Amino acid sequence: MEIGSSEQHVEVQFYDQDIGYENLWATPLGDDLYRMESIPFFIYDVSLNDIVNAKPDDAGKLQFLRVVGPSGNRTLRARKSPSFSENEAMDLLSQLEALGCQVEILRQRVIAIDIPPRVDLKAIADFLTKVGVAWEYGNPSSANSS
């Protein structure tokens, strides 16, 4: 599903004391449950399509509480300092998509990579290492993955 489709999306705010805040798009499911529609760039232990519990704070901003339904998707991040060139980024995104991943890029510096359950996590990690891209696990495991 593309962000901006006719389905309503809301922002859920995540907080990590070492990282700070990150706002991610989600689809409301009712009963304070939301399906994640964004790939996280900074926070850990949540992935695209996970079902999370969130409640509004005093200002009405939805605050993440916990993952209640792991999707089976995994998250990796690729980074380059100072940044990827536009050609490098587009080439890497194309290759990752061809391998079955979804990707989002932030300011040519960070690429958030969603790895669906059917795609081999190790194969993607090995690919990134082979092409010389620094990467890290954002959410390498899920209750639904092998």
N, C-alpha and C. Protein backbone atom coordinates (compact mmCIF):
# COMPACT_ATOMS: atom_id res chain seq x y z
N MET A 1 0.83 -1.17 0.00
CA MET A 1 0.00 0.00 0.00
C MET A 1 0.88 1.24 0.00
N GLU A 2 0.52 2.21 -0.79
CA GLU A 2 1.27 3.46 -0.87
C GLU A 2 0.72 4.45 0.14
N ILE A 3 1.62 5.15 0.82
CA ILE A 3 1.20 6.24 1.70
C ILE A 3 0.53 7.28 0.81
N GLY A 4 -0.57 7.81 1.28
CA GLY A 4 -1.29 8.78 0.48
C GLY A 4 -2.45 8.14 -0.27
N SER A 5 -2.66 6.83 -0.10
CA SER A 5 -3.82 6.19 -0.71
C SER A 5 -5.06 6.66 0.03
N SER A 6 -6.21 6.17 -0.36
CA SER A 6 -7.45 6.64 0.25
C SER A 6 -7.60 6.18 1.69
N GLU A 7 -6.85 5.17 2.09
CA GLU A 7 -6.93 4.70 3.47
C GLU A 7 -6.29 5.73 4.41
N GLN A 8 -6.92 5.96 5.56
CA GLN A 8 -6.42 6.96 6.51
C GLN A 8 -5.15 6.47 7.19
N HIS A 9 -4.17 7.37 7.28
CA HIS A 9 -2.93 7.07 7.99
C HIS A 9 -2.74 8.09 9.10
N VAL A 10 -2.10 7.65 10.16
CA VAL A 10 -1.78 8.51 11.29
C VAL A 10 -0.31 8.31 11.62
N GLU A 11 0.25 9.27 12.37
CA GLU A 11 1.62 9.13 12.81
C GLU A 11 1.65 8.54 14.21
N VAL A 12 2.53 7.55 14.40
CA VAL A 12 2.79 7.00 15.72
C VAL A 12 4.21 7.41 16.08
N GLN A 13 4.38 7.96 17.28
CA GLN A 13 5.69 8.43 17.71
C GLN A 13 6.37 7.35 18.55
N PHE A 14 7.62 7.08 18.20
CA PHE A 14 8.47 6.13 18.91
C PHE A 14 9.56 6.92 19.62
N TYR A 15 9.99 6.45 20.78
CA TYR A 15 11.05 7.12 21.52
C TYR A 15 12.07 6.10 21.99
N ASP A 16 13.32 6.45 21.83
CA ASP A 16 14.43 5.66 22.35
C ASP A 16 15.39 6.65 23.00
N GLN A 17 15.80 6.39 24.23
CA GLN A 17 16.64 7.36 24.94
C GLN A 17 17.97 7.62 24.25
N ASP A 18 18.47 6.67 23.48
CA ASP A 18 19.75 6.87 22.78
C ASP A 18 19.57 7.53 21.41
N ILE A 19 18.40 7.40 20.84
CA ILE A 19 18.17 7.86 19.47
C ILE A 19 17.32 9.11 19.43
N GLY A 20 16.32 9.18 20.29
CA GLY A 20 15.37 10.28 20.27
C GLY A 20 14.05 9.81 19.71
N TYR A 21 13.37 10.69 18.98
CA TYR A 21 12.03 10.40 18.46
C TYR A 21 12.07 10.07 16.98
N GLU A 22 11.16 9.19 16.58
CA GLU A 22 10.91 8.93 15.17
C GLU A 22 9.41 8.73 15.02
N ASN A 23 8.83 9.42 14.04
CA ASN A 23 7.41 9.29 13.74
C ASN A 23 7.25 8.41 12.51
N LEU A 24 6.38 7.41 12.62
CA LEU A 24 6.14 6.49 11.51
C LEU A 24 4.66 6.46 11.16
N TRP A 25 4.37 6.29 9.88
CA TRP A 25 2.98 6.19 9.43
C TRP A 25 2.41 4.83 9.82
N ALA A 26 1.11 4.85 10.16
CA ALA A 26 0.41 3.63 10.53
C ALA A 26 -1.05 3.75 10.13
N THR A 27 -1.69 2.60 9.97
CA THR A 27 -3.11 2.54 9.69
C THR A 27 -3.84 2.14 10.96
N PRO A 28 -4.84 2.94 11.38
CA PRO A 28 -5.61 2.58 12.57
C PRO A 28 -6.44 1.32 12.32
N LEU A 29 -6.42 0.40 13.29
CA LEU A 29 -7.19 -0.84 13.20
C LEU A 29 -8.31 -0.90 14.24
N GLY A 30 -8.33 0.08 15.16
CA GLY A 30 -9.30 0.09 16.25
C GLY A 30 -8.68 -0.47 17.51
N ASP A 31 -9.29 -0.16 18.65
CA ASP A 31 -8.83 -0.64 19.96
C ASP A 31 -7.37 -0.32 20.23
N ASP A 32 -6.92 0.88 19.84
CA ASP A 32 -5.54 1.34 20.07
C ASP A 32 -4.49 0.49 19.35
N LEU A 33 -4.89 -0.18 18.26
CA LEU A 33 -3.98 -0.99 17.46
C LEU A 33 -3.76 -0.31 16.11
N TYR A 34 -2.52 -0.44 15.60
CA TYR A 34 -2.12 0.21 14.36
C TYR A 34 -1.19 -0.71 13.58
N ARG A 35 -1.36 -0.73 12.24
CA ARG A 35 -0.45 -1.49 11.37
C ARG A 35 0.60 -0.51 10.83
N MET A 36 1.87 -0.83 11.02
CA MET A 36 2.95 0.04 10.59
C MET A 36 3.04 0.06 9.06
N GLU A 37 3.08 1.27 8.51
CA GLU A 37 3.12 1.46 7.06
C GLU A 37 4.45 2.07 6.60
N SER A 38 5.37 2.33 7.53
CA SER A 38 6.68 2.90 7.20
C SER A 38 7.77 1.95 7.66
N ILE A 39 8.90 2.02 6.99
CA ILE A 39 10.09 1.27 7.41
C ILE A 39 10.89 2.20 8.32
N PRO A 40 11.21 1.78 9.54
CA PRO A 40 11.94 2.67 10.46
C PRO A 40 13.37 2.96 9.99
N PHE A 41 13.76 4.22 10.12
CA PHE A 41 15.12 4.64 9.81
C PHE A 41 16.03 4.58 11.03
N PHE A 42 15.48 4.74 12.23
CA PHE A 42 16.31 4.89 13.41
C PHE A 42 15.95 3.97 14.57
N ILE A 43 14.68 3.76 14.81
CA ILE A 43 14.29 2.97 15.98
C ILE A 43 14.49 1.48 15.70
N TYR A 44 14.52 0.72 16.76
CA TYR A 44 14.78 -0.71 16.67
C TYR A 44 13.55 -1.52 17.08
N ASP A 45 13.55 -2.79 16.68
CA ASP A 45 12.59 -3.79 17.14
C ASP A 45 11.15 -3.58 16.66
N VAL A 46 10.99 -2.90 15.53
CA VAL A 46 9.69 -2.80 14.87
C VAL A 46 9.94 -2.81 13.37
N SER A 47 8.98 -3.40 12.62
CA SER A 47 9.14 -3.51 11.18
C SER A 47 7.84 -3.17 10.47
N LEU A 48 7.95 -2.98 9.17
CA LEU A 48 6.80 -2.73 8.31
C LEU A 48 5.75 -3.82 8.53
N ASN A 49 4.50 -3.41 8.62
CA ASN A 49 3.33 -4.28 8.77
C ASN A 49 3.15 -4.88 10.17
N ASP A 50 4.06 -4.61 11.11
CA ASP A 50 3.83 -5.04 12.50
C ASP A 50 2.57 -4.36 13.02
N ILE A 51 1.88 -5.03 13.89
CA ILE A 51 0.74 -4.44 14.59
C ILE A 51 1.24 -3.96 15.94
N VAL A 52 1.01 -2.67 16.21
CA VAL A 52 1.49 -2.09 17.46
C VAL A 52 0.33 -1.51 18.25
N ASN A 53 0.57 -1.40 19.55
CA ASN A 53 -0.36 -0.74 20.46
C ASN A 53 0.20 0.66 20.72
N ALA A 54 -0.66 1.68 20.59
CA ALA A 54 -0.26 3.06 20.83
C ALA A 54 -1.44 3.80 21.43
N LYS A 55 -1.12 4.75 22.29
CA LYS A 55 -2.17 5.57 22.92
C LYS A 55 -1.76 7.03 22.83
N PRO A 56 -2.75 7.94 22.73
CA PRO A 56 -2.41 9.35 22.67
C PRO A 56 -1.90 9.87 24.01
N ASP A 57 -0.91 10.78 23.93
CA ASP A 57 -0.41 11.44 25.14
C ASP A 57 -1.33 12.63 25.45
N ASP A 58 -0.97 13.45 26.41
CA ASP A 58 -1.80 14.59 26.81
C ASP A 58 -2.00 15.58 25.67
N ALA A 59 -1.06 15.64 24.74
CA ALA A 59 -1.16 16.55 23.60
C ALA A 59 -1.89 15.91 22.42
N GLY A 60 -2.29 14.64 22.56
CA GLY A 60 -3.00 13.94 21.50
C GLY A 60 -2.11 13.21 20.51
N LYS A 61 -0.80 13.22 20.73
CA LYS A 61 0.15 12.53 19.85
C LYS A 61 0.20 11.06 20.21
N LEU A 62 0.01 10.18 19.23
CA LEU A 62 0.03 8.74 19.49
C LEU A 62 1.44 8.30 19.89
N GLN A 63 1.54 7.62 21.02
CA GLN A 63 2.82 7.13 21.54
C GLN A 63 2.84 5.60 21.47
N PHE A 64 3.88 5.08 20.86
CA PHE A 64 4.08 3.63 20.77
C PHE A 64 4.21 3.03 22.17
N LEU A 65 3.53 1.90 22.38
CA LEU A 65 3.64 1.17 23.65
C LEU A 65 4.36 -0.16 23.47
N ARG A 66 3.92 -0.95 22.48
CA ARG A 66 4.56 -2.25 22.26
C ARG A 66 4.07 -2.86 20.94
N VAL A 67 4.86 -3.81 20.43
CA VAL A 67 4.45 -4.61 19.28
C VAL A 67 3.56 -5.72 19.81
N VAL A 68 2.38 -5.86 19.24
CA VAL A 68 1.46 -6.91 19.69
C VAL A 68 1.28 -8.00 18.63
N GLY A 69 1.68 -7.71 17.39
CA GLY A 69 1.57 -8.69 16.32
C GLY A 69 2.69 -8.52 15.32
N PRO A 70 3.79 -9.25 15.53
CA PRO A 70 4.90 -9.16 14.56
C PRO A 70 4.45 -9.64 13.18
N SER A 71 4.86 -8.93 12.15
CA SER A 71 4.47 -9.25 10.78
C SER A 71 5.31 -10.37 10.18
N GLY A 72 6.48 -10.59 10.75
CA GLY A 72 7.43 -11.51 10.15
C GLY A 72 8.45 -10.79 9.30
N ASN A 73 8.22 -9.50 9.02
CA ASN A 73 9.19 -8.70 8.28
C ASN A 73 10.37 -8.37 9.16
N ARG A 74 11.53 -8.17 8.53
CA ARG A 74 12.74 -7.78 9.25
C ARG A 74 13.23 -6.46 8.67
N THR A 75 13.99 -5.70 9.45
CA THR A 75 14.48 -4.40 9.03
C THR A 75 16.01 -4.35 9.12
N LEU A 76 16.62 -3.89 8.04
CA LEU A 76 18.05 -3.58 8.02
C LEU A 76 18.18 -2.12 7.60
N ARG A 77 19.33 -1.53 7.91
CA ARG A 77 19.62 -0.17 7.48
C ARG A 77 21.00 -0.13 6.85
N ALA A 78 21.09 0.57 5.73
CA ALA A 78 22.37 0.80 5.06
C ALA A 78 22.70 2.28 5.23
N ARG A 79 23.96 2.55 5.56
CA ARG A 79 24.40 3.94 5.78
C ARG A 79 25.67 4.22 5.00
N LYS A 80 25.82 5.49 4.63
CA LYS A 80 27.06 5.92 4.01
C LYS A 80 27.35 7.34 4.46
N SER A 81 28.60 7.56 4.84
CA SER A 81 29.00 8.89 5.27
C SER A 81 30.06 9.39 4.30
N PRO A 82 29.94 10.58 3.74
CA PRO A 82 28.88 11.54 4.07
C PRO A 82 27.53 11.18 3.48
N SER A 83 27.46 10.59 2.28
CA SER A 83 26.18 10.17 1.73
C SER A 83 26.40 9.34 0.47
N PHE A 84 25.33 8.65 0.05
CA PHE A 84 25.33 7.95 -1.23
C PHE A 84 25.17 8.99 -2.33
N SER A 85 25.83 8.79 -3.47
CA SER A 85 25.51 9.64 -4.62
C SER A 85 24.12 9.21 -5.10
N GLU A 86 23.49 10.05 -5.89
CA GLU A 86 22.16 9.71 -6.37
C GLU A 86 22.21 8.41 -7.17
N ASN A 87 23.23 8.24 -8.01
CA ASN A 87 23.35 7.02 -8.81
C ASN A 87 23.58 5.79 -7.93
N GLU A 88 24.46 5.92 -6.92
CA GLU A 88 24.69 4.81 -5.98
C GLU A 88 23.41 4.40 -5.28
N ALA A 89 22.68 5.39 -4.79
CA ALA A 89 21.44 5.12 -4.06
C ALA A 89 20.41 4.44 -4.95
N MET A 90 20.20 4.97 -6.15
CA MET A 90 19.20 4.40 -7.05
C MET A 90 19.59 2.98 -7.48
N ASP A 91 20.88 2.76 -7.72
CA ASP A 91 21.35 1.43 -8.09
C ASP A 91 21.13 0.44 -6.95
N LEU A 92 21.48 0.84 -5.73
CA LEU A 92 21.30 -0.03 -4.57
C LEU A 92 19.83 -0.31 -4.33
N LEU A 93 18.98 0.71 -4.42
CA LEU A 93 17.55 0.52 -4.23
C LEU A 93 17.00 -0.46 -5.26
N SER A 94 17.40 -0.30 -6.51
CA SER A 94 16.93 -1.20 -7.58
C SER A 94 17.35 -2.64 -7.31
N GLN A 95 18.60 -2.84 -6.89
CA GLN A 95 19.08 -4.18 -6.62
C GLN A 95 18.34 -4.81 -5.44
N LEU A 96 18.12 -4.02 -4.38
CA LEU A 96 17.40 -4.55 -3.21
C LEU A 96 15.95 -4.89 -3.55
N GLU A 97 15.31 -4.05 -4.35
CA GLU A 97 13.94 -4.33 -4.78
C GLU A 97 13.90 -5.60 -5.63
N ALA A 98 14.90 -5.79 -6.50
CA ALA A 98 14.97 -7.00 -7.33
C ALA A 98 15.15 -8.26 -6.47
N LEU A 99 15.75 -8.10 -5.29
CA LEU A 99 15.94 -9.22 -4.36
C LEU A 99 14.70 -9.46 -3.49
N GLY A 100 13.65 -8.64 -3.67
CA GLY A 100 12.39 -8.85 -2.95
C GLY A 100 12.16 -7.93 -1.77
N CYS A 101 13.01 -6.93 -1.58
CA CYS A 101 12.89 -6.01 -0.45
C CYS A 101 12.11 -4.76 -0.84
N GLN A 102 11.56 -4.10 0.17
CA GLN A 102 11.04 -2.74 0.01
C GLN A 102 12.06 -1.81 0.64
N VAL A 103 12.20 -0.61 0.10
CA VAL A 103 13.21 0.31 0.60
C VAL A 103 12.67 1.73 0.67
N GLU A 104 13.22 2.49 1.61
CA GLU A 104 12.98 3.93 1.70
C GLU A 104 14.33 4.58 1.95
N ILE A 105 14.52 5.79 1.44
CA ILE A 105 15.80 6.47 1.60
C ILE A 105 15.58 7.82 2.28
N LEU A 106 16.52 8.18 3.14
CA LEU A 106 16.47 9.44 3.87
C LEU A 106 17.71 10.25 3.55
N ARG A 107 17.52 11.36 2.87
CA ARG A 107 18.59 12.33 2.57
C ARG A 107 19.87 11.70 2.03
N GLN A 108 19.74 10.68 1.21
CA GLN A 108 20.89 10.03 0.57
C GLN A 108 21.89 9.44 1.58
N ARG A 109 21.53 9.40 2.88
CA ARG A 109 22.47 8.90 3.89
C ARG A 109 22.05 7.56 4.47
N VAL A 110 20.76 7.35 4.64
CA VAL A 110 20.28 6.13 5.27
C VAL A 110 19.23 5.48 4.37
N ILE A 111 19.40 4.20 4.15
CA ILE A 111 18.41 3.43 3.41
C ILE A 111 17.80 2.42 4.37
N ALA A 112 16.48 2.54 4.57
CA ALA A 112 15.74 1.59 5.41
C ALA A 112 15.27 0.46 4.50
N ILE A 113 15.56 -0.77 4.91
CA ILE A 113 15.30 -1.94 4.08
C ILE A 113 14.33 -2.86 4.80
N ASP A 114 13.20 -3.15 4.16
CA ASP A 114 12.24 -4.11 4.70
C ASP A 114 12.45 -5.44 4.00
N ILE A 115 12.62 -6.49 4.80
CA ILE A 115 12.84 -7.83 4.26
C ILE A 115 11.63 -8.69 4.64
N PRO A 116 10.77 -9.00 3.66
CA PRO A 116 9.60 -9.82 3.94
C PRO A 116 10.00 -11.23 4.38
N PRO A 117 9.10 -11.96 5.02
CA PRO A 117 9.42 -13.31 5.52
C PRO A 117 9.93 -14.27 4.44
N ARG A 118 9.49 -14.12 3.21
CA ARG A 118 9.88 -15.04 2.13
C ARG A 118 11.30 -14.79 1.62
N VAL A 119 11.91 -13.65 2.01
CA VAL A 119 13.25 -13.29 1.55
C VAL A 119 14.27 -13.67 2.62
N ASP A 120 15.38 -14.25 2.18
CA ASP A 120 16.43 -14.71 3.09
C ASP A 120 17.21 -13.53 3.65
N LEU A 121 17.12 -13.31 4.96
CA LEU A 121 17.80 -12.22 5.64
C LEU A 121 19.32 -12.29 5.42
N LYS A 122 19.90 -13.45 5.57
CA LYS A 122 21.35 -13.61 5.41
C LYS A 122 21.78 -13.25 3.98
N ALA A 123 20.97 -13.60 3.00
CA ALA A 123 21.32 -13.27 1.61
C ALA A 123 21.38 -11.75 1.41
N ILE A 124 20.47 -11.02 2.03
CA ILE A 124 20.48 -9.56 1.91
C ILE A 124 21.68 -8.98 2.64
N ALA A 125 21.94 -9.46 3.85
CA ALA A 125 23.11 -8.99 4.62
C ALA A 125 24.39 -9.28 3.85
N ASP A 126 24.50 -10.48 3.29
CA ASP A 126 25.69 -10.84 2.50
C ASP A 126 25.83 -9.96 1.27
N PHE A 127 24.72 -9.67 0.61
CA PHE A 127 24.74 -8.79 -0.57
C PHE A 127 25.27 -7.41 -0.20
N LEU A 128 24.74 -6.82 0.89
CA LEU A 128 25.19 -5.49 1.31
C LEU A 128 26.69 -5.48 1.62
N THR A 129 27.15 -6.54 2.30
CA THR A 129 28.57 -6.64 2.62
C THR A 129 29.39 -6.77 1.34
N LYS A 130 28.93 -7.58 0.41
CA LYS A 130 29.65 -7.81 -0.85
C LYS A 130 29.81 -6.52 -1.66
N VAL A 131 28.77 -5.67 -1.66
CA VAL A 131 28.86 -4.43 -2.45
C VAL A 131 29.52 -3.30 -1.66
N GLY A 132 29.98 -3.61 -0.44
CA GLY A 132 30.75 -2.65 0.34
C GLY A 132 29.94 -1.58 1.03
N VAL A 133 28.68 -1.90 1.38
CA VAL A 133 27.81 -0.93 2.05
C VAL A 133 27.75 -1.26 3.54
N ALA A 134 27.98 -0.26 4.38
CA ALA A 134 27.84 -0.44 5.83
C ALA A 134 26.36 -0.62 6.14
N TRP A 135 26.05 -1.58 7.00
CA TRP A 135 24.66 -1.85 7.34
C TRP A 135 24.56 -2.28 8.79
N GLU A 136 23.33 -2.25 9.30
CA GLU A 136 23.05 -2.72 10.66
C GLU A 136 21.67 -3.34 10.70
N TYR A 137 21.47 -4.17 11.72
CA TYR A 137 20.16 -4.73 11.98
C TYR A 137 19.30 -3.70 12.69
N GLY A 138 18.08 -3.49 12.21
CA GLY A 138 17.10 -2.66 12.89
C GLY A 138 16.11 -3.52 13.65
N ASN A 139 15.76 -4.64 13.04
CA ASN A 139 14.85 -5.62 13.63
C ASN A 139 15.09 -6.93 12.90
N PRO A 140 16.12 -7.66 13.29
CA PRO A 140 16.52 -8.83 12.52
C PRO A 140 15.67 -10.07 12.75
N SER A 141 14.83 -10.06 13.76
CA SER A 141 14.06 -11.27 14.03
C SER A 141 12.59 -10.93 14.25
N SER A 142 11.79 -11.95 14.15
CA SER A 142 10.36 -11.80 14.36
C SER A 142 9.82 -13.12 14.86
N ALA A 143 8.77 -13.08 15.60
CA ALA A 143 8.15 -14.30 16.10
C ALA A 143 7.66 -15.18 14.94
N ASN A 144 7.43 -14.57 13.77
CA ASN A 144 6.91 -15.31 12.62
C ASN A 144 7.98 -15.70 11.63
N SER A 145 9.25 -15.35 11.87
CA SER A 145 10.29 -15.68 10.89
C SER A 145 11.10 -16.87 11.36
N SER A 146 11.80 -17.47 10.41
CA SER A 146 12.60 -18.65 10.77
C SER A 146 14.00 -18.28 11.16
